[in-house]
Amino acid sequence: MKVRLMGSPDVVREWAQRLEEQLGVTGREYPMRGGGGIRWYADVDDRVAEKAAKEEADDE
């Protein structure tokens, strides 16, 4: 699974940190073309994402 976040640096970095903690992924950060924000990309193993989604559903 490919994950891309785009937006203001503070919000993107907060979400990226959550994903890194929950899924154990390491993303890459780049400036937005034209300025005004950042882009963050990560690859997530489908099995890890599926397990996290099931755990989240079980908690609800």
N, C-alpha and C. Protein backbone atom coordinates (compact mmCIF):
# COMPACT_ATOMS: atom_id res chain seq x y z
N MET A 1 0.85 -1.16 0.00
CA MET A 1 0.00 0.00 0.00
C MET A 1 0.90 1.23 0.00
N LYS A 2 0.53 2.21 -0.80
CA LYS A 2 1.26 3.48 -0.84
C LYS A 2 0.44 4.52 -0.07
N VAL A 3 1.11 5.27 0.77
CA VAL A 3 0.46 6.32 1.55
C VAL A 3 1.11 7.65 1.20
N ARG A 4 0.27 8.65 0.92
CA ARG A 4 0.78 9.99 0.63
C ARG A 4 -0.03 10.98 1.46
N LEU A 5 0.68 11.83 2.18
CA LEU A 5 0.06 12.93 2.92
C LEU A 5 0.57 14.22 2.32
N MET A 6 -0.32 15.19 2.19
CA MET A 6 0.07 16.50 1.67
C MET A 6 -0.63 17.57 2.49
N GLY A 7 0.10 18.65 2.80
CA GLY A 7 -0.53 19.74 3.51
C GLY A 7 0.47 20.55 4.32
N SER A 8 -0.06 21.21 5.34
CA SER A 8 0.80 22.06 6.16
C SER A 8 1.74 21.17 6.97
N PRO A 9 2.98 21.61 7.15
CA PRO A 9 3.98 20.77 7.80
C PRO A 9 3.59 20.23 9.17
N ASP A 10 2.99 21.05 10.00
CA ASP A 10 2.66 20.58 11.35
C ASP A 10 1.63 19.46 11.33
N VAL A 11 0.62 19.56 10.50
CA VAL A 11 -0.43 18.54 10.43
C VAL A 11 0.11 17.26 9.79
N VAL A 12 0.84 17.40 8.69
CA VAL A 12 1.39 16.23 8.01
C VAL A 12 2.35 15.49 8.93
N ARG A 13 3.20 16.20 9.63
CA ARG A 13 4.17 15.55 10.52
C ARG A 13 3.47 14.84 11.68
N GLU A 14 2.39 15.41 12.19
CA GLU A 14 1.66 14.75 13.28
C GLU A 14 1.04 13.44 12.79
N TRP A 15 0.40 13.47 11.63
CA TRP A 15 -0.19 12.24 11.06
C TRP A 15 0.88 11.24 10.71
N ALA A 16 1.99 11.70 10.16
CA ALA A 16 3.10 10.81 9.80
C ALA A 16 3.63 10.10 11.05
N GLN A 17 3.74 10.83 12.14
CA GLN A 17 4.23 10.24 13.39
C GLN A 17 3.26 9.15 13.86
N ARG A 18 1.97 9.40 13.76
CA ARG A 18 0.98 8.39 14.16
C ARG A 18 1.11 7.13 13.32
N LEU A 19 1.25 7.31 12.02
CA LEU A 19 1.39 6.16 11.13
C LEU A 19 2.68 5.40 11.40
N GLU A 20 3.75 6.14 11.65
CA GLU A 20 5.03 5.50 11.95
C GLU A 20 4.93 4.68 13.23
N GLU A 21 4.25 5.22 14.25
CA GLU A 21 4.11 4.50 15.52
C GLU A 21 3.19 3.29 15.38
N GLN A 22 2.05 3.46 14.71
CA GLN A 22 1.07 2.37 14.59
C GLN A 22 1.49 1.28 13.63
N LEU A 23 2.10 1.65 12.52
CA LEU A 23 2.38 0.68 11.47
C LEU A 23 3.86 0.34 11.34
N GLY A 24 4.71 1.05 12.06
CA GLY A 24 6.14 0.77 12.00
C GLY A 24 6.77 1.10 10.66
N VAL A 25 6.25 2.11 9.99
CA VAL A 25 6.79 2.50 8.69
C VAL A 25 7.67 3.73 8.85
N THR A 26 8.55 3.92 7.91
CA THR A 26 9.36 5.13 7.85
C THR A 26 9.06 5.82 6.54
N GLY A 27 8.58 7.04 6.63
CA GLY A 27 8.22 7.78 5.42
C GLY A 27 9.32 8.73 4.99
N ARG A 28 9.07 9.33 3.85
CA ARG A 28 9.99 10.33 3.30
C ARG A 28 9.24 11.64 3.12
N GLU A 29 9.89 12.72 3.47
CA GLU A 29 9.26 14.04 3.42
C GLU A 29 9.92 14.89 2.34
N TYR A 30 9.09 15.60 1.59
CA TYR A 30 9.57 16.47 0.52
C TYR A 30 8.78 17.78 0.56
N PRO A 31 9.38 18.88 0.12
CA PRO A 31 8.62 20.13 0.02
C PRO A 31 7.59 20.03 -1.11
N MET A 32 6.49 20.74 -0.95
CA MET A 32 5.48 20.79 -2.01
C MET A 32 6.03 21.59 -3.18
N ARG A 33 5.70 21.15 -4.35
CA ARG A 33 6.07 21.93 -5.54
C ARG A 33 5.32 23.25 -5.49
N GLY A 34 6.00 24.34 -5.66
CA GLY A 34 5.35 25.64 -5.58
C GLY A 34 5.30 26.20 -4.17
N GLY A 35 5.78 25.43 -3.19
CA GLY A 35 5.82 25.92 -1.81
C GLY A 35 4.51 25.78 -1.08
N GLY A 36 4.53 26.14 0.18
CA GLY A 36 3.32 26.18 0.98
C GLY A 36 2.98 24.92 1.74
N GLY A 37 3.82 23.94 1.75
CA GLY A 37 3.52 22.73 2.49
C GLY A 37 4.54 21.65 2.22
N ILE A 38 4.22 20.44 2.69
CA ILE A 38 5.11 19.30 2.47
C ILE A 38 4.30 18.11 1.97
N ARG A 39 5.04 17.15 1.41
CA ARG A 39 4.47 15.87 1.00
C ARG A 39 5.21 14.81 1.81
N TRP A 40 4.50 13.76 2.20
CA TRP A 40 5.10 12.66 2.95
C TRP A 40 4.63 11.37 2.31
N TYR A 41 5.56 10.48 2.01
CA TYR A 41 5.26 9.22 1.34
C TYR A 41 5.77 8.06 2.18
N ALA A 42 5.00 6.96 2.19
CA ALA A 42 5.44 5.74 2.87
C ALA A 42 4.86 4.53 2.15
N ASP A 43 5.58 3.43 2.22
CA ASP A 43 5.09 2.14 1.75
C ASP A 43 4.71 1.32 2.97
N VAL A 44 3.51 0.76 2.94
CA VAL A 44 3.02 -0.05 4.05
C VAL A 44 2.70 -1.43 3.53
N ASP A 45 3.21 -2.45 4.21
CA ASP A 45 2.90 -3.83 3.86
C ASP A 45 1.39 -4.04 4.03
N ASP A 46 0.74 -4.60 3.02
CA ASP A 46 -0.71 -4.79 3.07
C ASP A 46 -1.15 -5.60 4.28
N ARG A 47 -0.37 -6.60 4.67
CA ARG A 47 -0.73 -7.43 5.82
C ARG A 47 -0.69 -6.62 7.11
N VAL A 48 0.27 -5.72 7.22
CA VAL A 48 0.37 -4.87 8.41
C VAL A 48 -0.82 -3.91 8.47
N ALA A 49 -1.16 -3.33 7.33
CA ALA A 49 -2.30 -2.40 7.27
C ALA A 49 -3.60 -3.13 7.60
N GLU A 50 -3.77 -4.34 7.07
CA GLU A 50 -4.98 -5.12 7.34
C GLU A 50 -5.10 -5.45 8.83
N LYS A 51 -3.99 -5.86 9.44
CA LYS A 51 -4.00 -6.18 10.87
C LYS A 51 -4.36 -4.95 11.70
N ALA A 52 -3.79 -3.80 11.36
CA ALA A 52 -4.09 -2.57 12.09
C ALA A 52 -5.55 -2.18 11.95
N ALA A 53 -6.11 -2.35 10.75
CA ALA A 53 -7.51 -2.02 10.52
C ALA A 53 -8.41 -2.94 11.33
N LYS A 54 -8.09 -4.23 11.39
CA LYS A 54 -8.89 -5.18 12.18
C LYS A 54 -8.82 -4.85 13.66
N GLU A 55 -7.62 -4.50 14.15
CA GLU A 55 -7.48 -4.14 15.56
C GLU A 55 -8.29 -2.89 15.88
N GLU A 56 -8.29 -1.92 14.97
CA GLU A 56 -9.06 -0.69 15.16
C GLU A 56 -10.56 -1.00 15.20
N ALA A 57 -11.01 -1.88 14.31
CA ALA A 57 -12.44 -2.25 14.30
C ALA A 57 -12.84 -2.99 15.56
N ASP A 58 -11.95 -3.83 16.07
CA ASP A 58 -12.24 -4.58 17.30
C ASP A 58 -12.35 -3.67 18.51
N ASP A 59 -11.61 -2.54 18.48
CA ASP A 59 -11.64 -1.59 19.59
C ASP A 59 -12.94 -0.77 19.62
N GLU A 60 -13.64 -0.72 18.51
CA GLU A 60 -14.85 0.11 18.44
C GLU A 60 -16.06 -0.60 18.94
